[in-house]
């Protein structure tokens, strides 16, 4: 070892030996300060990242709104539809469906309080998929209808109707205790404002007005209505008949005709000492046959008196008559005084029927004006105000605009045309269709504590059967029209937003594969048959 090396080694050893306790304490403090500085730098860096994330989140709100109002969501017939317009149509579709089928939604398995994308409408589609599909169909119809209206030069001033809608939204928002902006978003979509959806709302109004015009243009003539009736008399005719039902008395405990019962070791009582649960006795086929045989004797006897003793059924159409007896009653060969006994094996009874008459009910419909009083006036107070005024139909219409709860009917003075007795409460029906009713008659009718109607009788209109046939023919014509104008309307989903289209594509591909496989199997079987035939020769 050289001298210099030894000196160096001795120096290092000396330095290590002179490292005091104080020196180590100072060194530790130094290390801790450096650690604190490192942690501070890390915390600062994390804070910057979080701040950037928050800034991006806040900034994304206007970005998402911009995309919703400017970016193409789907393309209908070559026309770009943004998110705002699609959501507007989607929510209208969904809300209309829920309103129409509200009491049946639980039977459909739909819970509107939960995410629709997690609830199945069918084996392959969720409820969200279903409503999106309906929304697209409605958009197709709207685009095609508005294009047709424009091509025809049809115009419609939406000012009054649009202002009425805004007032309705204002009132509804106040009733719900929310701002108008919040209400609009809740009804029409997250990005909806009255300004953004104004164009779509007005387009719907134009389309509806044009649709009504087409309905009027396609209204059938009296000859067309009569011809349709002649071809479908059984649907619109009514019958009067009498009916007696004879029920078979099925045994409630075993008889001599009961099926043999195998011996069992099951106890008569439950193991805990309580009595076993009783179940209704199920008669054997032989017991049922005997009970039906006995009931047939009674039914045959009842047929002799059913024409006078049977329960009277008047003015019933085929759709409302028990299907087991409807064909007999509406047989063209039926004549007054005919009787019959018809078996109902499912319910174990016999229907004893006597036919009286078949006819076309010519009872006219009615035109009436209706006020459903709001909280400002009672029905009698409204009538008193009307009687103390001009007491005319026009003045009644003005009171309707002023006092009725039915804002949709207020616009036309509460006028309801071609009202029929079907589905109407007895109180209203009895007053409106009283044979002594005269134009100008008025009344206030309270059906329940919160159901009051103030009526003004305008006069008679066409009978119900004509109205029903007219509506059927117009509906058929309009369905065909809509089918024709939307047949070539295309739907494009450039960003893959519509899941139902993916499902349809997958199902279509699967069907094509199945067809191809079936065809291949058929061809193989044909080839095998031909080969077998050739070998046999």
Protein backbone atom coordinates (compact mmCIF):
# COMPACT_ATOMS: atom_id res chain seq x y z
CA UNK A 1 0.00 0.00 0.00
CA UNK A 2 1.42 3.45 -0.98
CA UNK A 3 1.78 6.30 1.40
CA UNK A 4 -0.88 8.37 -0.18
CA UNK A 5 -3.36 5.54 -0.03
CA UNK A 6 -2.66 4.94 3.60
CA UNK A 7 -3.07 8.63 4.43
CA UNK A 8 -6.42 8.67 2.68
CA UNK A 9 -7.60 5.56 4.51
CA UNK A 10 -6.55 7.03 7.82
CA UNK A 11 -8.36 10.26 7.03
CA UNK A 12 -11.63 8.45 6.28
CA UNK A 13 -11.36 6.46 9.44
CA UNK A 14 -10.69 9.66 11.40
CA UNK A 15 -13.79 11.37 9.91
CA UNK A 16 -15.94 8.41 10.79
CA UNK A 17 -14.70 8.42 14.33
CA UNK A 18 -15.34 12.15 14.87
CA UNK A 19 -19.11 11.94 13.72
CA UNK A 20 -20.72 12.99 16.99
CA UNK A 21 -24.29 12.47 18.29
CA UNK A 22 -24.98 16.10 17.54
CA UNK A 23 -23.79 15.63 13.96
CA UNK A 24 -26.21 12.76 13.46
CA UNK A 25 -29.10 14.83 14.86
CA UNK A 26 -28.34 17.63 12.45
CA UNK A 27 -28.13 15.14 9.60
CA UNK A 28 -31.55 13.69 10.51
CA UNK A 29 -33.16 17.14 10.55
CA UNK A 30 -31.71 17.81 7.15
CA UNK A 31 -33.14 14.58 5.76
CA UNK A 32 -36.58 15.31 7.26
CA UNK A 33 -36.65 18.79 5.67
CA UNK A 34 -35.75 17.30 2.30
CA UNK A 35 -38.56 14.73 2.76
CA UNK A 36 -41.04 17.52 3.59
CA UNK A 37 -40.00 19.39 0.46
CA UNK A 38 -40.51 16.25 -1.67
CA UNK A 39 -43.98 15.65 -0.15
CA UNK A 40 -44.91 19.30 -0.71
CA UNK A 41 -43.89 19.04 -4.34
CA UNK A 42 -45.97 15.84 -4.72
CA UNK A 43 -49.01 17.45 -3.02
CA UNK A 44 -48.73 20.47 -5.27
CA UNK A 45 -48.56 18.24 -8.32
CA UNK A 46 -51.67 16.28 -7.19
CA UNK A 47 -53.53 19.52 -6.48
CA UNK A 48 -52.75 20.74 -9.96
CA UNK A 49 -54.07 17.48 -11.45
CA UNK A 50 -57.31 17.70 -9.41
CA UNK A 51 -57.75 21.35 -10.34
CA UNK A 52 -57.25 20.53 -14.01
CA UNK A 53 -59.84 17.73 -13.73
CA UNK A 54 -62.36 20.09 -12.12
CA UNK A 55 -61.71 22.72 -14.76
CA UNK A 56 -62.22 20.10 -17.47
CA UNK A 57 -65.47 18.91 -15.83
CA UNK A 58 -66.87 22.43 -15.58
CA UNK A 59 -65.70 23.20 -19.08
CA UNK A 60 -67.39 20.05 -20.35
CA UNK A 61 -70.84 21.41 -19.47
CA UNK A 62 -70.88 24.02 -22.22
CA UNK A 63 -69.05 21.58 -24.49
CA UNK A 64 -71.71 18.93 -24.00
CA UNK A 65 -74.44 21.52 -24.53
CA UNK A 66 -72.74 22.70 -27.71
CA UNK A 67 -72.47 19.13 -28.99
CA UNK A 68 -76.09 18.44 -28.07
CA UNK A 69 -77.27 21.43 -30.09
CA UNK A 70 -74.83 21.23 -33.02
CA UNK A 71 -73.53 17.68 -33.41
CA UNK A 72 -75.47 15.14 -35.49
CA UNK A 73 -77.05 12.47 -33.29
CA UNK A 74 -78.94 10.56 -35.99
CA UNK A 75 -79.83 11.24 -39.61
CA UNK A 76 -83.47 10.93 -40.74
CA UNK A 77 -84.09 10.97 -44.48
CA UNK A 78 -80.77 12.74 -45.01
CA UNK A 79 -81.61 15.42 -42.43
CA UNK A 80 -79.35 15.75 -39.38
CA UNK A 81 -81.10 15.43 -36.01
CA UNK A 82 -79.20 16.72 -32.98
CA UNK A 83 -79.41 15.45 -29.42
CA UNK A 84 -81.85 18.17 -28.34
CA UNK A 85 -84.34 17.30 -31.07
CA UNK A 86 -83.99 13.57 -30.50
CA UNK A 87 -84.47 13.93 -26.74
CA UNK A 88 -87.51 16.12 -27.37
CA UNK A 89 -89.13 13.43 -29.51
CA UNK A 90 -88.00 10.63 -27.19
CA UNK A 91 -89.52 12.27 -24.12
CA UNK A 92 -92.77 13.10 -25.91
CA UNK A 93 -93.02 9.47 -27.01
CA UNK A 94 -92.23 8.09 -23.56
CA UNK A 95 -94.52 10.48 -21.69
CA UNK A 96 -97.44 9.87 -24.06
CA UNK A 97 -97.02 6.11 -23.64
CA UNK A 98 -96.88 6.37 -19.85
CA UNK A 99 -99.96 8.62 -19.82
CA UNK A 100 -101.91 6.27 -22.09
CA UNK A 101 -101.01 3.03 -20.32
CA UNK A 102 -100.34 4.33 -16.80
CA UNK A 103 -102.57 1.85 -14.98
CA UNK A 104 -101.12 -1.10 -16.92
CA UNK A 105 -97.40 -0.32 -16.62
CA UNK A 106 -96.84 -2.70 -13.73
CA UNK A 107 -98.34 -5.51 -15.80
CA UNK A 108 -95.88 -4.61 -18.55
CA UNK A 109 -93.00 -4.88 -16.07
CA UNK A 110 -92.13 -1.19 -16.39
CA UNK A 111 -91.04 0.87 -13.38
CA UNK A 112 -90.71 4.50 -14.48
CA UNK A 113 -88.78 5.39 -11.33
CA UNK A 114 -85.86 3.20 -12.44
CA UNK A 115 -83.37 3.29 -15.29
CA UNK A 116 -85.19 2.28 -18.47
CA UNK A 117 -81.98 0.90 -19.99
CA UNK A 118 -81.91 -1.82 -17.32
CA UNK A 119 -85.53 -3.00 -17.79
CA UNK A 120 -86.40 -5.40 -20.58
CA UNK A 121 -89.26 -4.66 -22.96
CA UNK A 122 -88.66 -7.90 -24.83
CA UNK A 123 -86.05 -10.64 -24.95
CA UNK A 124 -83.68 -8.40 -26.89
CA UNK A 125 -84.80 -4.78 -26.33
CA UNK A 126 -84.87 -2.65 -23.20
CA UNK A 127 -87.62 -0.12 -22.58
CA UNK A 128 -85.18 2.60 -23.55
CA UNK A 129 -84.53 0.81 -26.85
CA UNK A 130 -88.28 0.55 -27.42
CA UNK A 131 -88.95 4.24 -26.79
CA UNK A 132 -85.98 5.19 -28.98
CA UNK A 133 -87.39 3.05 -31.78
CA UNK A 134 -90.79 4.72 -31.41
CA UNK A 135 -89.15 8.15 -31.35
CA UNK A 136 -87.35 7.41 -34.61
CA UNK A 137 -90.62 6.25 -36.23
CA UNK A 138 -92.29 9.46 -35.09
CA UNK A 139 -89.40 11.51 -36.47
CA UNK A 140 -89.68 9.69 -39.78
CA UNK A 141 -93.38 10.52 -39.95
CA UNK A 142 -92.82 14.14 -38.92
CA UNK A 143 -90.07 14.74 -41.46
CA UNK A 144 -92.07 13.13 -44.25
CA UNK A 145 -95.31 14.88 -43.28
CA UNK A 146 -93.73 18.32 -43.04
CA UNK A 147 -92.00 17.79 -46.38
CA UNK A 148 -95.35 16.88 -47.95
CA UNK A 149 -97.03 19.90 -46.37
CA UNK A 150 -94.29 22.19 -47.67
CA UNK A 151 -94.49 20.68 -51.15
CA UNK A 152 -98.27 21.25 -51.16
CA UNK A 153 -97.84 24.83 -50.00
CA UNK A 154 -99.71 24.19 -46.77
CA UNK A 155 -99.27 26.89 -44.11
CA UNK A 156 -100.39 27.11 -40.51
CA UNK A 157 -99.96 29.99 -38.07
CA UNK A 158 -98.61 28.46 -34.86
CA UNK A 159 -98.54 31.73 -32.88
CA UNK A 160 -101.68 31.25 -30.82
CA UNK A 161 -101.13 27.55 -30.18
CA UNK A 162 -97.49 28.12 -29.24
CA UNK A 163 -98.35 30.92 -26.83
CA UNK A 164 -100.98 28.68 -25.23
CA UNK A 165 -98.34 25.98 -24.75
CA UNK A 166 -96.01 28.45 -23.07
CA UNK A 167 -98.77 29.53 -20.69
CA UNK A 168 -99.54 25.89 -19.92
CA UNK A 169 -95.85 25.26 -19.14
CA UNK A 170 -95.77 28.33 -16.92
CA UNK A 171 -98.83 27.16 -14.98
CA UNK A 172 -97.58 23.57 -14.73
CA UNK A 173 -94.16 24.68 -13.48
CA UNK A 174 -95.77 26.84 -10.79
CA UNK A 175 -97.99 23.96 -9.70
CA UNK A 176 -94.94 21.68 -9.49
CA UNK A 177 -93.00 24.28 -7.51
CA UNK A 178 -90.12 24.48 -9.99
CA UNK A 179 -88.85 27.09 -12.43
CA UNK A 180 -90.01 27.04 -16.03
CA UNK A 181 -86.49 26.09 -17.15
CA UNK A 182 -86.44 23.12 -14.78
CA UNK A 183 -89.89 22.05 -15.89
CA UNK A 184 -88.97 22.19 -19.58
CA UNK A 185 -85.85 20.10 -18.95
CA UNK A 186 -87.84 17.54 -16.96
CA UNK A 187 -90.43 17.17 -19.72
CA UNK A 188 -88.41 17.54 -22.92
CA UNK A 189 -84.83 16.55 -22.06
CA UNK A 190 -81.66 17.59 -20.27
CA UNK A 191 -80.59 20.13 -22.88
CA UNK A 192 -84.05 21.49 -23.67
CA UNK A 193 -85.00 25.14 -23.33
CA UNK A 194 -88.00 26.83 -24.90
CA UNK A 195 -85.66 28.58 -27.27
CA UNK A 196 -83.95 25.37 -28.38
CA UNK A 197 -87.11 23.33 -28.86
CA UNK A 198 -89.30 26.08 -30.33
CA UNK A 199 -88.64 24.93 -33.90
CA UNK A 200 -89.49 21.30 -33.11
CA UNK A 201 -92.64 22.25 -31.20
CA UNK A 202 -93.88 24.40 -34.07
CA UNK A 203 -93.05 21.70 -36.61
CA UNK A 204 -95.20 19.29 -34.60
CA UNK A 205 -98.02 21.81 -34.60
CA UNK A 206 -97.77 22.23 -38.37
CA UNK A 207 -97.68 18.47 -38.86
CA UNK A 208 -100.76 17.96 -36.66
CA UNK A 209 -102.66 20.68 -38.51
CA UNK A 210 -101.72 19.14 -41.85
CA UNK A 211 -102.73 15.69 -40.59
CA UNK A 212 -106.15 17.05 -39.59
CA UNK A 213 -106.54 18.56 -43.04
CA UNK A 214 -105.73 15.20 -44.62
CA UNK A 215 -108.28 13.51 -42.38
CA UNK A 216 -110.92 15.94 -43.59
CA UNK A 217 -109.85 15.41 -47.20
CA UNK A 218 -110.13 11.63 -46.75
CA UNK A 219 -113.52 11.68 -45.03
CA UNK A 220 -115.77 9.06 -46.71
CA UNK A 221 -119.00 9.94 -48.46
CA UNK A 222 -122.38 8.73 -47.18
CA UNK A 223 -122.42 6.11 -49.94
CA UNK A 224 -119.02 4.79 -48.88
CA UNK A 225 -120.18 4.60 -45.27
CA UNK A 226 -123.34 2.74 -46.28
CA UNK A 227 -121.41 0.30 -48.49
CA UNK A 228 -119.00 -0.45 -45.65
CA UNK A 229 -121.91 -1.09 -43.33
CA UNK A 230 -123.52 -3.52 -45.79
CA UNK A 231 -120.28 -5.52 -45.86
CA UNK A 232 -119.88 -5.52 -42.06
CA UNK A 233 -123.40 -5.54 -40.65
CA UNK A 234 -122.65 -7.93 -37.82
CA UNK A 235 -120.08 -5.51 -36.43
CA UNK A 236 -122.46 -2.56 -36.19
CA UNK A 237 -125.88 -4.11 -35.65
CA UNK A 238 -127.41 -4.53 -32.21
CA UNK A 239 -129.54 -7.35 -30.79
CA UNK A 240 -132.14 -7.71 -28.06
CA UNK A 241 -132.33 -11.14 -26.42
CA UNK A 242 -133.12 -12.96 -23.22
CA UNK A 243 -130.76 -15.22 -21.34
CA UNK A 244 -130.98 -17.78 -18.57
CA UNK A 245 -127.83 -19.45 -17.25
CA UNK A 246 -128.10 -22.95 -15.77
CA UNK A 247 -125.02 -23.95 -13.79
CA UNK A 248 -124.13 -27.57 -13.13
CA UNK A 249 -124.06 -28.48 -9.44
CA UNK A 250 -120.65 -30.05 -9.05
CA UNK A 251 -120.11 -32.22 -5.94
CA UNK A 252 -118.01 -30.71 -3.18
CA UNK A 253 -117.01 -34.12 -1.80
CA UNK A 254 -116.52 -37.58 -3.36
CA UNK A 255 -119.54 -39.49 -4.66
CA UNK A 256 -119.97 -42.97 -6.11
CA UNK A 257 -118.53 -41.61 -9.39
CA UNK A 258 -115.34 -40.24 -7.79
CA UNK A 259 -111.96 -41.42 -9.00
CA UNK A 260 -110.39 -44.14 -6.78
CA UNK A 261 -108.10 -42.67 -4.14
CA UNK A 262 -104.84 -44.46 -3.33
CA UNK A 263 -104.15 -45.05 0.34
CA UNK A 264 -101.55 -42.71 1.81
CA UNK A 265 -99.74 -42.51 5.11
CA UNK A 266 -100.04 -38.73 5.25
CA UNK A 267 -101.53 -37.59 8.60
CA UNK A 268 -104.80 -35.69 8.75
CA UNK A 269 -103.12 -32.99 10.79
CA UNK A 270 -99.86 -31.09 10.53
CA UNK A 271 -96.92 -32.25 12.62
CA UNK A 272 -97.31 -29.26 14.92
CA UNK A 273 -100.79 -30.38 15.90
CA UNK A 274 -102.72 -27.82 13.83
CA UNK A 275 -105.36 -28.89 11.34
CA UNK A 276 -104.17 -29.49 7.78
CA UNK A 277 -105.10 -26.84 5.21
CA UNK A 278 -108.33 -27.75 3.40
CA UNK A 279 -108.34 -27.77 -0.40
CA UNK A 280 -111.42 -27.65 -2.61
CA UNK A 281 -112.53 -31.01 -3.85
CA UNK A 282 -111.83 -31.61 -7.55
CA UNK A 283 -114.67 -33.65 -9.09
CA UNK A 284 -113.84 -36.52 -11.41
CA UNK A 285 -114.71 -36.43 -15.10
CA UNK A 286 -117.56 -38.82 -14.41
CA UNK A 287 -118.95 -36.59 -11.67
CA UNK A 288 -118.74 -33.53 -13.92
CA UNK A 289 -120.46 -35.39 -16.76
CA UNK A 290 -123.28 -36.43 -14.42
CA UNK A 291 -123.70 -32.87 -13.11
CA UNK A 292 -123.80 -31.51 -16.67
CA UNK A 293 -126.35 -34.17 -17.64
CA UNK A 294 -128.61 -33.11 -14.78
CA UNK A 295 -128.15 -29.43 -15.66
CA UNK A 296 -129.06 -30.16 -19.30
CA UNK A 297 -132.46 -31.40 -18.17
CA UNK A 298 -133.04 -28.10 -16.36
CA UNK A 299 -131.75 -26.11 -19.35
CA UNK A 300 -134.09 -27.88 -21.74
CA UNK A 301 -136.94 -27.11 -19.40
CA UNK A 302 -135.87 -23.44 -19.10
CA UNK A 303 -135.87 -23.10 -22.90
CA UNK A 304 -139.66 -23.33 -22.79
CA UNK A 305 -139.95 -20.13 -20.74
CA UNK A 306 -136.74 -18.20 -21.52
CA UNK A 307 -138.54 -15.90 -23.96
CA UNK A 308 -140.50 -14.43 -21.06
CA UNK A 309 -138.56 -15.39 -17.94
CA UNK A 310 -134.98 -14.90 -19.13
CA UNK A 311 -132.92 -11.84 -18.19
CA UNK A 312 -133.41 -9.07 -20.77
CA UNK A 313 -130.38 -7.86 -22.75
CA UNK A 314 -130.98 -4.86 -24.99
CA UNK A 315 -129.02 -3.03 -27.66
CA UNK A 316 -125.88 -5.16 -27.40
CA UNK A 317 -123.36 -5.33 -30.22
CA UNK A 318 -121.47 -8.47 -31.13
CA UNK A 319 -118.25 -7.27 -29.53
CA UNK A 320 -119.96 -7.09 -26.11
CA UNK A 321 -121.87 -10.39 -26.29
CA UNK A 322 -120.45 -13.62 -24.85
CA UNK A 323 -118.53 -15.23 -27.70
CA UNK A 324 -120.25 -18.61 -27.20
CA UNK A 325 -123.65 -17.17 -28.07
CA UNK A 326 -122.74 -14.24 -30.33
CA UNK A 327 -122.49 -16.25 -33.56
CA UNK A 328 -125.94 -17.74 -32.95
CA UNK A 329 -127.49 -14.36 -32.17
CA UNK A 330 -125.95 -12.63 -35.20
CA UNK A 331 -126.65 -15.43 -37.68
CA UNK A 332 -128.50 -13.90 -40.65
CA UNK A 333 -131.03 -16.76 -40.43
CA UNK A 334 -132.06 -15.74 -36.91
CA UNK A 335 -135.71 -14.69 -36.46
CA UNK A 336 -137.79 -13.45 -33.55
CA UNK A 337 -138.81 -16.24 -31.16
CA UNK A 338 -135.84 -18.52 -31.88
CA UNK A 339 -134.43 -20.26 -28.80
CA UNK A 340 -131.45 -22.48 -28.15
CA UNK A 341 -129.33 -24.12 -25.45
CA UNK A 342 -125.56 -23.61 -25.70
CA UNK A 343 -122.99 -25.54 -23.67
CA UNK A 344 -120.13 -23.92 -21.79
CA UNK A 345 -117.86 -26.84 -20.86
CA UNK A 346 -115.23 -24.59 -19.31
CA UNK A 347 -117.58 -23.01 -16.78
CA UNK A 348 -119.78 -26.12 -16.53
CA UNK A 349 -123.04 -24.42 -17.40
CA UNK A 350 -125.64 -23.96 -20.14
CA UNK A 351 -126.81 -20.74 -21.77
CA UNK A 352 -130.50 -20.74 -22.60
CA UNK A 353 -131.09 -17.99 -25.16
CA UNK A 354 -134.15 -16.45 -26.80
CA UNK A 355 -133.65 -14.11 -29.79
CA UNK A 356 -135.92 -11.06 -30.01
CA UNK A 357 -134.63 -8.71 -32.70
CA UNK A 358 -131.59 -7.43 -34.58
CA UNK A 359 -131.36 -3.84 -35.83
CA UNK A 360 -129.12 -0.86 -36.55
CA UNK A 361 -129.24 1.61 -33.68
CA UNK A 362 -129.95 5.03 -35.19
CA UNK A 363 -129.71 6.96 -31.91
CA UNK A 364 -128.04 10.27 -32.80
CA UNK A 365 -124.88 11.50 -31.17
CA UNK A 366 -124.84 14.94 -29.56
CA UNK A 367 -122.83 18.15 -29.62
CA UNK A 368 -122.37 19.73 -26.19
CA UNK A 369 -120.27 22.39 -24.53
CA UNK A 370 -118.74 21.42 -21.20
CA UNK A 371 -117.24 23.42 -18.36
CA UNK A 372 -115.35 21.60 -15.60
CA UNK A 373 -115.30 24.32 -12.92
CA UNK A 374 -112.00 25.42 -11.45
CA UNK A 375 -111.60 26.67 -7.89
CA UNK A 376 -112.97 30.13 -8.74
CA UNK A 377 -116.63 29.16 -9.21
CA UNK A 378 -119.08 26.39 -8.49
CA UNK A 379 -121.21 24.94 -11.27
CA UNK A 380 -124.32 26.77 -10.09
CA UNK A 381 -122.45 30.08 -9.80
CA UNK A 382 -121.24 29.71 -13.41
CA UNK A 383 -124.80 29.05 -14.59
CA UNK A 384 -126.07 32.06 -12.65
CA UNK A 385 -123.44 34.26 -14.28
CA UNK A 386 -124.42 32.90 -17.70
CA UNK A 387 -128.16 33.45 -17.10
CA UNK A 388 -127.53 37.00 -15.88
CA UNK A 389 -125.53 37.75 -19.01
CA UNK A 390 -126.30 37.24 -22.71
CA UNK A 391 -127.30 33.62 -22.03
CA UNK A 392 -126.24 32.47 -25.50
CA UNK A 393 -124.06 29.65 -26.76
CA UNK A 394 -121.26 32.13 -27.46
CA UNK A 395 -121.44 33.57 -23.95
CA UNK A 396 -121.29 30.03 -22.52
CA UNK A 397 -118.18 29.39 -24.62
CA UNK A 398 -116.57 32.51 -23.18
CA UNK A 399 -117.31 31.34 -19.64
CA UNK A 400 -115.66 28.03 -20.52
CA UNK A 401 -112.44 29.83 -21.43
CA UNK A 402 -112.68 31.69 -18.15
CA UNK A 403 -113.59 28.96 -15.67
CA UNK A 404 -112.88 25.45 -17.00
CA UNK A 405 -110.09 23.21 -15.71
CA UNK A 406 -109.81 21.56 -19.13
CA UNK A 407 -107.40 23.97 -20.78
CA UNK A 408 -107.26 21.90 -23.97
CA UNK A 409 -111.02 22.26 -24.43
CA UNK A 410 -111.09 25.92 -23.42
CA UNK A 411 -109.71 27.04 -26.77
CA UNK A 412 -112.89 26.03 -28.61
CA UNK A 413 -115.25 27.01 -25.83
CA UNK A 414 -115.52 23.51 -24.39
CA UNK A 415 -117.20 22.13 -27.52
CA UNK A 416 -117.39 18.36 -27.81
CA UNK A 417 -118.87 17.11 -31.07
CA UNK A 418 -120.48 13.77 -31.90
CA UNK A 419 -120.57 12.63 -28.28
CA UNK A 420 -121.98 9.12 -27.88
CA UNK A 421 -123.42 7.30 -24.90
CA UNK A 422 -120.71 4.61 -24.99
CA UNK A 423 -118.50 4.81 -21.92
CA UNK A 424 -120.35 7.80 -20.45
CA UNK A 425 -121.51 7.94 -16.84
CA UNK A 426 -125.22 7.32 -16.28
CA UNK A 427 -125.85 10.84 -14.95
CA UNK A 428 -124.40 12.55 -18.02
CA UNK A 429 -125.90 10.05 -20.45
CA UNK A 430 -129.39 10.36 -19.01
CA UNK A 431 -129.35 14.16 -19.33
CA UNK A 432 -127.67 14.49 -22.73
CA UNK A 433 -129.71 11.77 -24.45
CA UNK A 434 -133.04 12.56 -22.85
CA UNK A 435 -135.63 12.51 -25.67
CA UNK A 436 -136.96 15.88 -24.49
CA UNK A 437 -133.55 17.59 -24.72
CA UNK A 438 -133.58 20.88 -26.65
CA UNK A 439 -130.80 23.10 -28.02
CA UNK A 440 -129.84 25.68 -25.40
CA UNK A 441 -130.62 23.51 -22.38
CA UNK A 442 -128.11 23.83 -19.55
CA UNK A 443 -127.42 21.98 -16.31
CA UNK A 444 -124.81 21.56 -13.57
CA UNK A 445 -124.26 17.91 -12.65
CA UNK A 446 -122.12 16.76 -9.73
CA UNK A 447 -121.24 13.08 -10.08
CA UNK A 448 -118.84 12.88 -7.17
CA UNK A 449 -117.48 15.30 -4.62
CA UNK A 450 -114.80 16.58 -7.00
CA UNK A 451 -116.50 15.91 -10.34
CA UNK A 452 -118.85 18.67 -11.48
CA UNK A 453 -119.85 19.32 -15.10
CA UNK A 454 -121.69 22.37 -16.43
CA UNK A 455 -123.33 21.44 -19.77
CA UNK A 456 -124.81 23.38 -22.65
CA UNK A 457 -126.72 21.21 -25.14
CA UNK A 458 -125.98 22.30 -28.73
CA UNK A 459 -127.93 19.67 -30.66
CA UNK A 460 -127.96 16.26 -32.34
CA UNK A 461 -125.41 14.86 -34.77
CA UNK A 462 -124.91 11.66 -36.77
CA UNK A 463 -125.68 8.27 -35.18
CA UNK A 464 -122.84 6.41 -33.52
CA UNK A 465 -122.59 3.67 -36.18
CA UNK A 466 -121.92 6.24 -38.89
CA UNK A 467 -119.31 8.00 -36.78
CA UNK A 468 -117.58 4.69 -36.04
CA UNK A 469 -117.48 3.67 -39.70
CA UNK A 470 -116.26 7.10 -40.74
CA UNK A 471 -113.46 6.95 -38.16
CA UNK A 472 -112.52 3.43 -39.31
CA UNK A 473 -112.31 4.41 -42.98
CA UNK A 474 -110.38 7.60 -42.22
CA UNK A 475 -107.99 5.66 -39.99
CA UNK A 476 -107.39 3.10 -42.73
CA UNK A 477 -106.77 5.82 -45.30
CA UNK A 478 -104.36 7.72 -43.03
CA UNK A 479 -102.47 4.58 -42.04
CA UNK A 480 -101.93 3.78 -45.70
CA UNK A 481 -100.90 7.38 -46.40
CA UNK A 482 -98.32 7.42 -43.60
CA UNK A 483 -97.01 4.02 -44.68
CA UNK A 484 -96.59 5.30 -48.24
CA UNK A 485 -94.81 8.56 -47.40
CA UNK A 486 -92.44 6.93 -44.90
CA UNK A 487 -91.66 3.83 -46.96
CA UNK A 488 -88.48 5.30 -48.40
CA UNK A 489 -87.43 7.43 -45.42
CA UNK A 490 -83.95 6.37 -44.36
CA UNK A 491 -82.43 6.20 -40.88
CA UNK A 492 -78.69 6.53 -40.33
CA UNK A 493 -76.88 6.07 -37.03
CA UNK A 494 -73.34 7.31 -37.77
CA UNK A 495 -72.18 7.24 -34.15
CA UNK A 496 -73.92 4.02 -33.12
CA UNK A 497 -76.27 5.72 -30.64
CA UNK A 498 -79.32 3.54 -31.30
CA UNK A 499 -78.98 0.09 -29.78
CA UNK A 500 -82.23 -1.20 -31.28
CA UNK A 501 -80.70 -0.87 -34.76
CA UNK A 502 -77.80 -3.07 -33.66
CA UNK A 503 -80.25 -5.63 -32.28
CA UNK A 504 -82.23 -5.59 -35.53
CA UNK A 505 -79.04 -6.05 -37.56
CA UNK A 506 -77.97 -8.99 -35.40
CA UNK A 507 -81.40 -10.62 -35.65
CA UNK A 508 -81.45 -10.09 -39.40
CA UNK A 509 -77.98 -11.62 -39.76
CA UNK A 510 -79.01 -14.57 -37.58
CA UNK A 511 -82.14 -15.11 -39.68
CA UNK A 512 -80.14 -15.02 -42.90
CA UNK A 513 -77.66 -17.52 -41.45
CA UNK A 514 -80.51 -19.82 -40.42
CA UNK A 515 -82.04 -19.60 -43.90
CA UNK A 516 -78.69 -20.34 -45.51
CA UNK A 517 -78.12 -23.32 -43.22
CA UNK A 518 -81.61 -24.66 -43.91
CA UNK A 519 -81.08 -24.26 -47.64
CA UNK A 520 -77.73 -26.01 -47.41
CA UNK A 521 -79.29 -28.93 -45.50
CA UNK A 522 -82.10 -29.12 -48.06
CA UNK A 523 -79.62 -29.16 -50.93
CA UNK A 524 -77.58 -31.90 -49.22
CA UNK A 525 -80.73 -33.97 -48.65
CA UNK A 526 -81.77 -33.48 -52.27
CA UNK A 527 -78.32 -34.49 -53.49
CA UNK A 528 -78.35 -37.57 -51.25
CA UNK A 529 -81.80 -38.57 -52.54
CA UNK A 530 -80.70 -38.17 -56.14
CA UNK A 531 -77.54 -40.20 -55.47
CA UNK A 532 -79.59 -42.97 -53.86
CA UNK A 533 -81.96 -43.01 -56.82
CA UNK A 534 -79.03 -43.18 -59.26
CA UNK A 535 -77.48 -46.11 -57.38
CA UNK A 536 -80.80 -47.90 -57.34
CA UNK A 537 -81.01 -47.62 -61.11
